[in-house]
Protein backbone atom coordinates (compact mmCIF):
# COMPACT_ATOMS: atom_id res chain seq x y z
CA MET A 1 135.19 145.14 -122.99
CA ARG A 2 136.01 143.20 -126.14
CA LYS A 3 134.33 139.83 -126.31
CA THR A 4 135.35 136.63 -128.01
CA PRO A 5 134.18 136.51 -131.65
CA LEU A 6 131.71 133.67 -131.27
CA ILE A 7 131.45 133.18 -135.01
CA LEU A 8 135.18 132.39 -135.10
CA VAL A 9 134.91 130.02 -132.12
CA VAL A 10 132.10 128.15 -133.86
CA ALA A 11 133.84 128.07 -137.24
CA LEU A 12 137.18 126.81 -135.94
CA SER A 13 135.56 124.34 -133.56
CA ALA A 14 133.55 122.89 -136.41
CA VAL A 15 136.72 122.20 -138.36
CA ALA A 16 139.39 121.58 -135.71
CA GLY A 17 137.30 121.11 -132.70
CA SER A 18 136.13 118.34 -130.54
CA ALA A 19 137.86 115.29 -131.97
CA ALA A 20 134.51 113.61 -131.41
CA GLU A 21 134.16 112.69 -135.09
CA PRO A 22 136.73 111.88 -137.76
CA ALA A 23 138.07 115.03 -139.39
CA LYS A 24 138.36 115.61 -143.13
CA THR A 25 141.59 114.45 -144.74
CA PRO A 26 144.34 115.08 -143.96
CA ASN A 27 143.31 113.96 -140.50
CA PRO A 28 145.26 115.83 -137.80
CA TYR A 29 144.04 113.51 -135.06
CA GLU A 30 144.81 109.98 -136.26
CA SER A 31 147.74 108.05 -137.66
CA ALA A 32 147.50 106.11 -140.89
CA ALA A 33 149.73 103.40 -139.43
CA PRO A 34 147.78 100.31 -138.32
CA PRO A 35 147.85 99.57 -134.59
CA THR A 36 149.96 96.67 -133.41
CA ALA A 37 150.02 94.81 -130.11
CA ALA A 38 153.37 96.15 -128.91
CA SER A 39 153.11 94.74 -125.39
CA GLU A 40 151.33 92.10 -123.35
CA LEU A 41 148.89 94.80 -122.25
CA ASP A 42 148.04 95.49 -125.90
CA LYS A 43 147.54 91.81 -126.64
CA ILE A 44 145.02 91.52 -123.81
CA VAL A 45 143.16 94.72 -124.72
CA PHE A 46 143.15 94.14 -128.49
CA ALA A 47 141.92 90.57 -128.08
CA LYS A 48 138.98 91.88 -126.06
CA LEU A 49 138.24 94.56 -128.66
CA SER A 50 138.42 91.98 -131.43
CA SER A 51 135.80 89.90 -129.63
CA LEU A 52 133.60 93.01 -129.60
CA GLY A 53 134.16 93.61 -133.32
CA ILE A 54 136.02 96.89 -132.77
CA GLY A 55 139.11 97.86 -134.73
CA PRO A 56 141.19 100.43 -132.85
CA VAL A 57 143.03 103.34 -134.48
CA VAL A 58 146.23 105.01 -133.22
CA CYS A 59 146.37 108.76 -132.58
CA SER A 60 148.55 111.14 -134.59
CA ASP A 61 151.92 112.43 -133.42
CA ALA A 62 150.39 115.85 -132.72
CA VAL A 63 147.72 114.35 -130.51
CA PHE A 64 150.24 112.10 -128.76
CA VAL A 65 152.71 114.84 -127.85
CA ARG A 66 149.98 116.96 -126.26
CA ARG A 67 148.38 113.97 -124.53
CA ALA A 68 151.70 112.74 -123.11
CA TYR A 69 152.71 116.13 -121.73
CA LEU A 70 149.33 116.65 -120.07
CA ASP A 71 149.06 113.12 -118.68
CA VAL A 72 152.63 112.77 -117.43
CA ILE A 73 153.53 116.27 -116.22
CA GLY A 74 150.22 118.19 -116.31
CA THR A 75 151.83 120.80 -118.55
CA LEU A 76 151.42 121.79 -122.21
CA PRO A 77 154.39 121.38 -124.53
CA THR A 78 155.83 124.57 -125.94
CA ALA A 79 155.38 125.26 -129.65
CA GLU A 80 159.04 124.31 -130.16
CA GLU A 81 158.66 121.03 -128.25
CA ALA A 82 155.51 120.10 -130.14
CA GLY A 83 156.95 121.02 -133.55
CA LYS A 84 160.21 119.17 -132.93
CA PHE A 85 158.38 116.00 -131.92
CA ILE A 86 155.98 116.14 -134.87
CA ASP A 87 158.85 116.67 -137.33
CA ASP A 88 161.06 113.94 -135.84
CA PRO A 89 161.32 111.24 -138.56
CA ASP A 90 162.07 108.44 -136.06
CA ALA A 91 158.53 107.10 -135.99
CA LYS A 92 159.60 103.84 -134.34
CA ASN A 93 161.25 105.23 -131.20
CA LYS A 94 160.24 108.85 -130.64
CA ARG A 95 157.11 108.18 -128.60
CA ILE A 96 158.95 105.94 -126.13
CA ALA A 97 161.82 108.44 -125.95
CA LEU A 98 159.35 111.25 -125.18
CA ILE A 99 157.76 109.29 -122.34
CA ASP A 100 161.18 108.62 -120.82
CA ARG A 101 162.08 112.32 -120.96
CA LEU A 102 158.80 113.38 -119.38
CA LEU A 103 159.08 110.85 -116.55
CA GLY A 104 162.39 112.47 -115.64
CA ARG A 105 161.18 116.09 -115.54
CA ASP A 106 160.63 118.06 -112.33
CA GLU A 107 157.00 118.73 -113.23
CA PHE A 108 156.34 115.00 -112.94
CA ALA A 109 156.70 115.18 -109.15
CA ASP A 110 154.60 118.38 -109.00
CA TYR A 111 151.72 116.95 -110.99
CA TRP A 112 151.57 113.56 -109.32
CA SER A 113 151.84 115.21 -105.90
CA MET A 114 148.70 117.12 -106.87
CA LYS A 115 146.95 113.85 -107.65
CA TRP A 116 148.06 112.26 -104.40
CA GLY A 117 147.13 115.44 -102.55
CA ASP A 118 143.52 114.80 -103.54
CA VAL A 119 143.66 111.19 -102.33
CA LEU A 120 145.45 112.03 -99.07
CA ARG A 121 143.37 115.16 -98.34
CA ILE A 122 146.33 117.58 -98.09
CA LYS A 123 144.54 120.73 -97.02
CA ALA A 124 145.22 123.16 -94.18
CA GLU A 125 141.71 124.42 -93.57
CA PHE A 126 138.20 123.00 -93.07
CA PRO A 127 137.16 120.23 -92.97
CA VAL A 128 140.48 118.55 -92.20
CA ASN A 129 142.29 121.40 -90.40
CA LEU A 130 145.85 120.17 -90.87
CA TRP A 131 147.03 123.82 -90.61
CA PRO A 132 149.61 125.26 -93.02
CA ASN A 133 152.82 123.89 -91.45
CA ALA A 134 151.46 120.34 -91.46
CA ALA A 135 150.04 120.61 -94.99
CA GLN A 136 153.40 121.86 -96.26
CA ALA A 137 155.28 119.07 -94.43
CA TYR A 138 152.91 116.42 -95.78
CA HIS A 139 153.20 117.71 -99.33
CA ARG A 140 157.01 117.94 -99.13
CA TRP A 141 157.18 114.32 -98.05
CA VAL A 142 154.79 113.18 -100.81
CA ARG A 143 156.66 115.16 -103.46
CA SER A 144 160.08 113.94 -102.38
CA SER A 145 158.77 110.35 -102.32
CA ILE A 146 157.54 110.71 -105.90
CA ALA A 147 160.72 112.48 -107.04
CA GLU A 148 162.91 109.66 -105.70
CA ASN A 149 160.46 107.04 -107.02
CA LYS A 150 160.03 105.49 -103.59
CA PRO A 151 158.53 101.99 -103.92
CA TYR A 152 154.80 102.15 -103.32
CA ASP A 153 154.79 99.57 -100.54
CA ARG A 154 157.34 101.61 -98.58
CA PHE A 155 155.41 104.83 -99.31
CA VAL A 156 152.29 103.30 -97.74
CA ARG A 157 154.10 101.65 -94.85
CA GLU A 158 155.67 104.96 -93.81
CA MET A 159 152.24 106.58 -93.65
CA LEU A 160 150.74 103.76 -91.62
CA THR A 161 153.56 103.32 -89.08
CA SER A 162 155.28 106.71 -88.64
CA SER A 163 155.21 108.65 -85.38
CA GLY A 164 156.29 112.18 -84.53
CA SER A 165 155.41 115.84 -84.93
CA ASN A 166 152.96 116.48 -87.73
CA PHE A 167 154.95 119.65 -88.54
CA ARG A 168 158.21 117.72 -88.93
CA VAL A 169 157.35 114.12 -89.84
CA GLY A 170 155.26 114.44 -92.98
CA PRO A 171 153.71 110.96 -93.22
CA VAL A 172 152.09 111.09 -89.75
CA ASN A 173 149.64 113.54 -91.28
CA PHE A 174 147.82 110.57 -92.77
CA TYR A 175 146.32 110.22 -89.28
CA ARG A 176 145.67 113.95 -88.98
CA ALA A 177 144.02 114.44 -92.39
CA ILE A 178 140.95 112.45 -91.37
CA GLN A 179 137.76 114.08 -90.15
CA ASN A 180 136.66 111.14 -88.02
CA ARG A 181 139.66 110.12 -85.93
CA THR A 182 137.97 107.28 -84.09
CA PRO A 183 139.53 103.87 -84.78
CA GLU A 184 136.58 103.10 -87.08
CA GLY A 185 137.06 106.37 -88.92
CA ILE A 186 140.78 105.75 -89.41
CA ALA A 187 140.16 102.17 -90.57
CA THR A 188 137.61 103.46 -93.08
CA ALA A 189 140.12 106.01 -94.44
CA ALA A 190 142.89 103.38 -94.69
CA ALA A 191 140.60 101.00 -96.58
CA LEU A 192 139.51 103.70 -99.03
CA THR A 193 143.02 105.06 -99.61
CA PHE A 194 145.08 101.87 -99.82
CA MET A 195 142.54 99.19 -100.74
CA GLY A 196 140.10 101.16 -102.92
CA SER A 197 137.37 99.73 -100.71
CA ARG A 198 134.41 101.48 -99.09
CA ALA A 199 134.02 100.04 -95.59
CA ASP A 200 130.27 100.60 -95.60
CA SER A 201 130.03 97.61 -97.97
CA TRP A 202 131.88 95.28 -95.57
CA PRO A 203 130.22 92.73 -93.27
CA LYS A 204 128.96 94.47 -90.13
CA ASP A 205 131.59 93.08 -87.75
CA ARG A 206 134.55 93.49 -90.14
CA LEU A 207 135.06 97.24 -89.62
CA ALA A 208 135.03 96.88 -85.84
CA GLY A 209 137.67 94.15 -86.05
CA THR A 210 139.87 96.20 -88.37
CA ALA A 211 139.48 99.30 -86.19
CA VAL A 212 141.43 97.55 -83.43
CA PHE A 213 144.62 98.05 -85.46
CA PHE A 214 144.12 101.81 -85.05
CA SER A 215 142.91 101.83 -81.46
CA GLN A 216 146.22 102.82 -79.86
CA ILE A 217 147.00 105.99 -81.78
CA GLY A 218 147.72 108.93 -79.54
CA TYR A 219 147.57 112.62 -80.38
CA LYS A 220 149.21 115.17 -78.10
CA PRO A 221 149.64 118.93 -78.50
CA THR A 222 153.17 120.30 -78.26
CA GLY A 223 154.49 123.68 -77.18
CA GLU A 224 154.17 124.97 -80.76
CA TRP A 225 150.78 126.38 -81.67
CA LYS A 226 148.59 123.85 -83.55
CA GLU A 227 151.35 121.25 -83.70
CA GLU A 228 150.47 117.69 -82.65
CA HIS A 229 152.53 114.63 -81.91
CA VAL A 230 151.10 111.43 -83.40
CA PHE A 231 152.37 108.23 -81.82
CA TRP A 232 151.68 104.67 -80.75
CA ASP A 233 150.32 104.76 -77.23
CA PRO A 234 150.36 101.20 -75.81
CA LEU A 235 148.88 102.55 -72.56
CA ARG A 236 145.74 103.50 -74.41
CA SER A 237 142.93 100.98 -74.25
CA SER A 238 140.62 100.16 -77.12
CA ALA A 239 137.70 101.31 -75.04
CA LEU A 240 139.20 104.76 -74.60
CA ALA A 241 140.03 104.97 -78.30
CA GLY A 242 136.50 104.06 -79.26
CA SER A 243 135.07 106.86 -77.16
CA THR A 244 136.83 109.64 -79.06
CA ALA A 245 134.31 111.99 -80.65
CA PRO A 246 134.42 112.20 -84.45
CA GLY A 247 136.82 114.84 -85.70
CA GLN A 248 138.56 115.22 -82.34
CA ALA A 249 142.05 114.10 -81.37
CA ALA A 250 142.44 111.78 -78.42
CA ILE A 251 144.87 113.28 -75.91
CA ALA A 252 147.44 110.93 -74.42
CA MET A 253 149.11 111.59 -71.08
CA SER A 254 152.59 111.67 -72.59
CA ALA A 255 154.21 111.34 -75.99
CA PRO A 256 157.77 110.27 -76.86
CA ALA A 257 159.99 112.75 -78.64
CA ASP A 258 160.76 112.10 -82.29
CA GLY A 259 162.94 109.00 -82.51
CA GLU A 260 162.28 107.84 -78.96
CA ALA A 261 160.62 104.54 -78.13
CA PRO A 262 157.05 104.67 -76.76
CA GLN A 263 156.34 103.88 -73.14
CA PRO A 264 156.13 100.12 -72.60
CA PRO A 265 152.73 98.56 -71.94
CA PRO A 266 151.83 97.42 -68.43
CA ALA A 267 153.19 94.00 -67.48
CA ASP A 268 149.69 92.61 -67.16
CA ALA A 269 148.39 94.06 -70.43
CA ALA A 270 146.20 91.66 -72.39
CA PRO A 271 146.66 91.01 -76.14
CA LEU A 272 144.33 92.72 -78.55
CA SER A 273 142.00 90.67 -80.73
CA ALA A 274 141.74 92.11 -84.23
CA VAL A 275 140.34 91.07 -87.59
CA PHE A 276 141.92 91.87 -90.95
CA PRO A 277 139.62 93.09 -93.74
CA ASP A 278 139.75 89.63 -95.34
CA GLY A 279 138.27 88.10 -92.17
CA THR A 280 141.51 86.64 -90.79
CA LYS A 281 141.70 86.94 -87.00
CA ILE A 282 144.88 87.76 -85.09
CA GLU A 283 145.99 88.17 -81.47
CA LEU A 284 148.25 91.21 -81.13
CA PRO A 285 150.85 91.06 -78.34
CA PRO A 286 150.78 94.13 -76.08
CA ASP A 287 154.38 95.11 -76.96
CA ARG A 288 153.73 95.45 -80.70
CA ASP A 289 152.34 98.51 -82.47
CA PRO A 290 149.07 97.27 -84.04
CA ARG A 291 149.62 99.61 -86.99
CA GLU A 292 152.72 97.59 -87.96
CA ALA A 293 150.71 94.38 -87.95
CA PHE A 294 148.16 95.95 -90.29
CA ALA A 295 150.89 97.32 -92.58
CA ASP A 296 152.60 93.92 -92.72
CA TRP A 297 149.34 92.28 -93.78
CA LEU A 298 148.46 95.02 -96.26
CA ILE A 299 151.62 95.35 -98.35
CA THR A 300 152.43 91.69 -98.95
CA PRO A 301 152.42 90.60 -102.62
CA GLU A 302 149.84 87.97 -101.72
CA ASN A 303 147.37 90.67 -100.70
CA ARG A 304 145.55 91.37 -103.96
CA TRP A 305 143.53 94.13 -102.33
CA PHE A 306 146.65 96.28 -102.04
CA THR A 307 148.19 95.62 -105.45
CA ARG A 308 144.87 95.59 -107.30
CA SER A 309 143.87 98.96 -105.84
CA ILE A 310 146.97 100.89 -106.90
CA ALA A 311 147.21 99.13 -110.29
CA ASN A 312 143.61 100.07 -111.00
CA ARG A 313 144.06 103.63 -109.69
CA VAL A 314 147.11 104.29 -111.88
CA TRP A 315 145.31 102.88 -114.92
CA ALA A 316 142.33 105.15 -114.18
CA TRP A 317 144.58 108.20 -113.81
CA LEU A 318 146.24 107.59 -117.18
CA MET A 319 143.34 106.09 -119.13
CA GLY A 320 140.46 108.13 -117.73
CA ARG A 321 138.63 105.12 -116.34
CA GLY A 322 139.49 102.23 -114.08
CA ILE A 323 139.39 98.60 -115.12
CA ILE A 324 137.24 98.53 -112.01
CA HIS A 325 135.07 101.62 -112.15
CA GLU A 326 135.19 103.69 -109.90
CA PRO A 327 138.78 103.24 -108.68
CA ASP A 328 137.73 103.67 -105.04
CA ASP A 329 134.79 101.26 -105.20
CA ILE A 330 136.41 97.83 -105.38
CA ARG A 331 134.03 95.09 -104.23
CA ASP A 332 132.98 91.60 -105.27
CA ASP A 333 129.83 92.79 -107.06
CA ASN A 334 131.74 95.45 -109.05
CA PRO A 335 134.01 93.24 -111.18
CA PRO A 336 136.78 94.44 -113.53
CA SER A 337 135.83 94.90 -117.18
CA ASN A 338 138.92 92.93 -118.18
CA PRO A 339 140.13 90.69 -115.33
CA GLU A 340 143.12 89.44 -117.34
CA LEU A 341 144.33 93.00 -117.91
CA LEU A 342 144.09 93.90 -114.23
CA ALA A 343 145.85 90.69 -113.23
CA ARG A 344 148.67 91.51 -115.66
CA LEU A 345 149.12 94.98 -114.14
CA GLU A 346 149.21 93.45 -110.66
CA ARG A 347 151.88 90.98 -111.73
CA GLU A 348 153.95 93.78 -113.30
CA LEU A 349 153.78 95.75 -110.05
CA ILE A 350 154.90 92.80 -107.95
CA ASP A 351 157.68 91.84 -110.38
CA GLY A 352 158.84 95.46 -110.39
CA ARG A 353 158.85 95.64 -106.57
CA TYR A 354 156.12 98.29 -106.54
CA ASP A 355 158.00 100.70 -108.80
CA LEU A 356 155.17 103.02 -109.87
CA LYS A 357 157.23 104.86 -112.46
CA ARG A 358 157.89 101.51 -114.14
CA LEU A 359 154.13 100.93 -114.23
CA TYR A 360 153.47 104.40 -115.67
CA ARG A 361 155.99 103.72 -118.41
CA LEU A 362 154.49 100.33 -119.18
CA ILE A 363 151.04 101.88 -119.71
CA LEU A 364 152.20 105.06 -121.44
CA THR A 365 154.30 103.23 -124.03
CA SER A 366 151.52 100.77 -124.88
CA ASN A 367 149.52 101.22 -128.07
CA THR A 368 146.40 100.99 -125.93
CA TYR A 369 147.30 104.34 -124.38
CA GLN A 370 148.08 105.72 -127.84
CA LEU A 371 144.68 104.98 -129.37
CA SER A 372 142.65 107.74 -130.99
CA SER A 373 139.98 109.52 -128.97
CA ILE A 374 137.53 109.24 -131.88
CA PRO A 375 135.20 106.38 -130.92
CA ARG A 376 134.41 103.59 -133.37
CA SER A 377 131.50 102.34 -131.28
CA ASP A 378 129.06 103.97 -128.88
CA SER A 379 128.47 100.78 -126.92
CA PRO A 380 129.14 100.74 -123.16
CA GLU A 381 131.35 97.70 -123.69
CA ALA A 382 133.64 99.71 -125.97
CA THR A 383 134.04 102.41 -123.33
CA ALA A 384 134.64 99.92 -120.53
CA ASN A 385 137.27 98.11 -122.59
CA PHE A 386 139.25 101.18 -123.71
CA ALA A 387 138.46 101.09 -127.42
CA ALA A 388 139.30 104.80 -127.58
CA TYR A 389 141.12 107.28 -125.36
CA PRO A 390 138.36 109.02 -123.36
CA LEU A 391 137.72 112.75 -123.72
CA ARG A 392 138.18 114.53 -120.37
CA ARG A 393 138.20 118.21 -119.55
CA LEU A 394 141.50 119.47 -118.19
CA GLU A 395 141.68 119.69 -114.41
CA ALA A 396 141.30 123.20 -113.02
CA GLU A 397 144.99 123.52 -112.12
CA VAL A 398 146.19 122.14 -115.45
CA LEU A 399 143.83 124.44 -117.37
CA ILE A 400 144.91 127.70 -115.74
CA ASP A 401 148.57 126.69 -115.99
CA ALA A 402 148.06 126.04 -119.71
CA VAL A 403 146.48 129.46 -120.24
CA ASN A 404 149.32 131.11 -118.30
CA LYS A 405 151.99 129.22 -120.23
CA ILE A 406 150.44 130.22 -123.54
CA THR A 407 150.21 133.89 -122.62
CA GLY A 408 153.18 134.25 -120.28
CA ALA A 409 150.85 135.58 -117.59
CA SER A 410 150.47 134.36 -114.01
CA ASP A 411 147.94 134.14 -111.19
CA LEU A 412 148.53 135.10 -107.58
CA TYR A 413 147.54 132.44 -105.05
CA THR A 414 147.13 133.31 -101.39
CA SER A 415 146.53 131.40 -98.20
CA ALA A 416 143.22 131.86 -96.43
CA ILE A 417 144.96 131.17 -93.11
CA PRO A 418 147.36 133.90 -91.96
CA GLU A 419 149.19 131.81 -89.35
CA PRO A 420 151.88 131.31 -90.37
CA PHE A 421 151.92 133.59 -93.39
CA THR A 422 152.24 131.48 -96.53
CA TYR A 423 154.10 133.10 -99.41
CA ILE A 424 153.30 131.74 -102.85
CA PRO A 425 155.61 132.99 -105.64
CA ARG A 426 153.63 134.65 -108.40
CA ASP A 427 155.07 132.37 -111.07
CA GLN A 428 154.32 129.12 -109.21
CA PRO A 429 152.09 126.85 -111.28
CA ALA A 430 148.81 125.70 -109.80
CA ILE A 431 149.79 122.02 -110.09
CA ALA A 432 152.59 122.71 -107.57
CA LEU A 433 150.35 124.22 -104.87
CA ALA A 434 150.90 122.18 -101.72
CA ASP A 435 147.82 123.14 -99.77
CA GLY A 436 144.28 122.56 -101.03
CA SER A 437 143.16 125.63 -99.07
CA ILE A 438 145.28 127.88 -101.28
CA THR A 439 142.98 128.51 -104.17
CA SER A 440 141.45 131.08 -106.50
CA SER A 441 138.03 131.82 -107.94
CA PHE A 442 139.13 130.15 -111.19
CA LEU A 443 140.18 126.92 -109.48
CA ALA A 444 136.95 126.83 -107.50
CA LEU A 445 134.84 127.48 -110.61
CA PHE A 446 136.52 124.72 -112.59
CA GLY A 447 135.98 122.00 -110.00
CA ARG A 448 139.18 121.66 -108.02
CA SER A 449 138.88 118.90 -105.41
CA ALA A 450 137.69 119.96 -101.96
CA ARG A 451 139.99 117.28 -100.49
CA ALA A 452 137.47 116.38 -97.81
CA THR A 453 136.94 112.65 -98.37
CA GLY A 454 139.79 111.45 -100.60
CA MET A 455 137.32 110.07 -103.15
CA ALA A 456 137.85 110.51 -106.87
CA ASN A 457 134.41 112.07 -107.42
CA GLU A 458 135.37 115.12 -105.34
CA ARG A 459 137.14 116.53 -108.39
CA ASP A 460 134.45 117.77 -110.74
CA ASN A 461 135.57 118.12 -114.36
CA LYS A 462 132.07 118.36 -115.78
CA PRO A 463 131.52 121.56 -117.79
CA VAL A 464 128.98 124.11 -116.58
CA PRO A 465 127.76 127.32 -118.28
CA ALA A 466 129.62 129.60 -115.86
CA GLN A 467 132.92 128.08 -116.98
CA SER A 468 132.17 128.79 -120.64
CA LEU A 469 131.21 132.36 -119.81
CA HIS A 470 134.47 132.86 -117.94
CA MET A 471 136.60 131.56 -120.80
CA LEU A 472 134.61 133.51 -123.40
CA ASN A 473 133.98 136.85 -121.75
CA SER A 474 135.96 137.42 -118.54
CA SER A 475 138.45 140.26 -118.15
CA HIS A 476 140.67 137.70 -116.40
CA ILE A 477 141.23 135.79 -119.65
CA GLN A 478 141.18 138.90 -121.84
CA ARG A 479 144.01 140.55 -119.88
CA LYS A 480 146.18 137.47 -120.23
CA LEU A 481 145.68 137.38 -124.00
CA GLU A 482 146.22 141.10 -124.52
CA GLN A 483 148.97 141.75 -121.96
CA GLY A 484 150.77 138.43 -121.47
CA PRO A 485 154.44 138.76 -122.53
CA ALA A 486 154.51 135.42 -124.37
CA MET A 487 151.47 136.37 -126.42
CA LYS A 488 152.91 139.81 -127.12
CA ALA A 489 156.09 138.18 -128.43
CA ILE A 490 154.13 136.06 -130.88
CA LEU A 491 151.91 138.89 -132.08
CA GLY A 492 154.74 141.40 -132.33
CA SER A 493 157.16 139.15 -134.16
CA GLY A 494 156.52 140.83 -137.53
CA ARG A 495 156.14 137.46 -139.22
CA PRO A 496 153.65 136.83 -142.01
CA LEU A 497 150.14 136.12 -140.78
CA ALA A 498 150.30 132.45 -141.80
CA GLU A 499 153.41 131.95 -139.64
CA ILE A 500 151.80 133.69 -136.67
CA VAL A 501 148.73 131.51 -136.98
CA GLU A 502 150.90 128.39 -137.17
CA LYS A 503 152.75 129.51 -134.03
CA LEU A 504 149.45 130.06 -132.23
CA TYR A 505 148.21 126.61 -133.20
CA LEU A 506 151.42 124.91 -132.07
CA THR A 507 151.38 126.90 -128.83
CA ILE A 508 147.73 126.31 -127.97
CA LEU A 509 146.76 123.04 -129.66
CA SER A 510 150.23 121.48 -130.14
CA ARG A 511 149.63 120.99 -133.88
CA ARG A 512 149.74 122.94 -137.11
CA PRO A 513 146.54 124.34 -138.68
CA THR A 514 144.89 122.60 -141.58
CA GLN A 515 144.45 124.37 -144.90
CA GLU A 516 140.75 124.80 -144.20
CA GLU A 517 141.50 126.46 -140.87
CA LEU A 518 143.98 128.83 -142.52
CA LYS A 519 141.27 129.86 -144.99
CA ILE A 520 138.80 130.58 -142.19
CA VAL A 521 141.37 132.71 -140.33
CA ALA A 522 142.32 134.60 -143.51
CA GLU A 523 138.68 135.48 -144.16
CA PHE A 524 138.24 136.61 -140.56
CA VAL A 525 141.31 138.86 -140.69
CA LYS A 526 139.84 140.81 -143.61
CA SER A 527 137.05 142.13 -141.38
CA ALA A 528 139.15 142.71 -138.23
CA PRO A 529 140.15 146.23 -137.08
CA SER A 530 143.83 145.25 -137.11
CA ARG A 531 146.01 142.23 -137.63
CA ARG A 532 146.93 142.22 -133.93
CA ASP A 533 143.29 142.23 -132.87
CA ALA A 534 142.61 139.43 -135.31
CA ALA A 535 145.48 137.33 -133.93
CA ILE A 536 144.25 137.84 -130.35
CA ASP A 537 140.77 136.77 -131.44
CA VAL A 538 142.21 133.65 -133.07
CA ALA A 539 144.03 132.76 -129.84
CA TRP A 540 140.89 133.46 -127.83
CA ALA A 541 138.84 131.26 -130.11
CA LEU A 542 141.36 128.42 -129.88
CA ILE A 543 141.45 128.36 -126.07
CA ASN A 544 137.66 128.11 -126.14
CA SER A 545 137.68 125.14 -128.48
CA PRO A 546 136.97 121.67 -127.08
CA GLU A 547 140.29 120.63 -128.57
CA PHE A 548 142.08 122.87 -126.07
CA LEU A 549 139.78 122.39 -123.09
CA TYR A 550 139.80 118.59 -123.26
CA ARG A 551 142.34 115.80 -123.14
CA HIS A 552 141.92 113.86 -126.34
């Protein structure tokens, strides 16, 4: 088996590579234009950087087009898309126009459904055991909510208050995709998911008080295999709910059909005493679903826990790090690095009526997002205050989709659970996979989230030697490069070598090669068995460069 020419990988990486240090002029990674505070977000961030003595630098157009495609739709731009953007002379407006186009593409809903799938634990098999029909229903609901830009407060309320079949009413699977379905377990999951708070850091009695809001959730099997009906069961006492074993569903005596009202509580039923996570006590009347009371408290604009959590999570998704770090560890003794910045994002969310796409656009069009990834300071304060865009390895799904888009190849994904049979089209991108149980050896190797806890640290993007070996020497990657129809079209175009190399660079790195890189490739071609072999080796070297493997 042919192996990647390591000398070429090293040579090209040294010149084009990691974006960890400023490149020789002309610099393909940074813009010569001075950064300006184009928004209120920029004013807040730049003022903080100025106090730290750090002068930020804006990234180049080539870096921006690749970054925006990967961050907004999880997909590489084509060579034509990258070249057209780089050559567009409208320097003032083209970046904003690109963001607007990307926010409207179908891949936006696919990619952000993948991100929410991690948070919401959308997975058919162990340890959640939603089963395929439920996982598909949950994912369809999440994707359609993102595609229609459903306000975030309504998105959350539907998950917290819906009832019905988990095969037919997607949002009820929030209550199924939890390993510990005791009231305490559900309260813990709700706090983590919607408040960014870990309940184990709360006062001892607070979790028990909050668990009361989830103490009347009933689960009942239906006539369809593995289907369950999730509903408010006012006949269910808190004592019974608290006795449910972790990971097991509590079985109610009867469940209303979808759309029907639940059975009324007994006439002599006593009110429930509950405590909100902020310590506020409440008496819940027996004829009111406690979940609705919790949702009403949670999604009010006055509840900073709710707004702060999603504002910080979105910032972390786009900027690589939360203003509060980690995004699911919000507590009093873990303060934000820039409180004014976080407060501004919260205000923008409230003013925009929880329009998340509006928040994405606000961040993506800021000059803070457009800063270079080349650090000007190695201080922890610089990192915490977003002095440079942080280097991050591509997620497993994004990486394999990028390789397949470059080569025109595909991977076959299959379900580990044969009931019902799940058909995955061969050309379906990995970012669009609904079920976390549908995987591949590549996705597992490159750290795809196990979707067991909903925590951000479940996705492991840290590089390990086995990943490098796979990219460098596996027949899996070699076949794609040698047999992929898109790669064959580039290599068989009959164009001069310099044009083929430029096409490879635009396709793989979303930029044109520097003169120094063209010289290195020309020298390498002289010793190659054929021009085609040399071009394949160049492509192989480029996909092994840090510039390809990392967001930058």
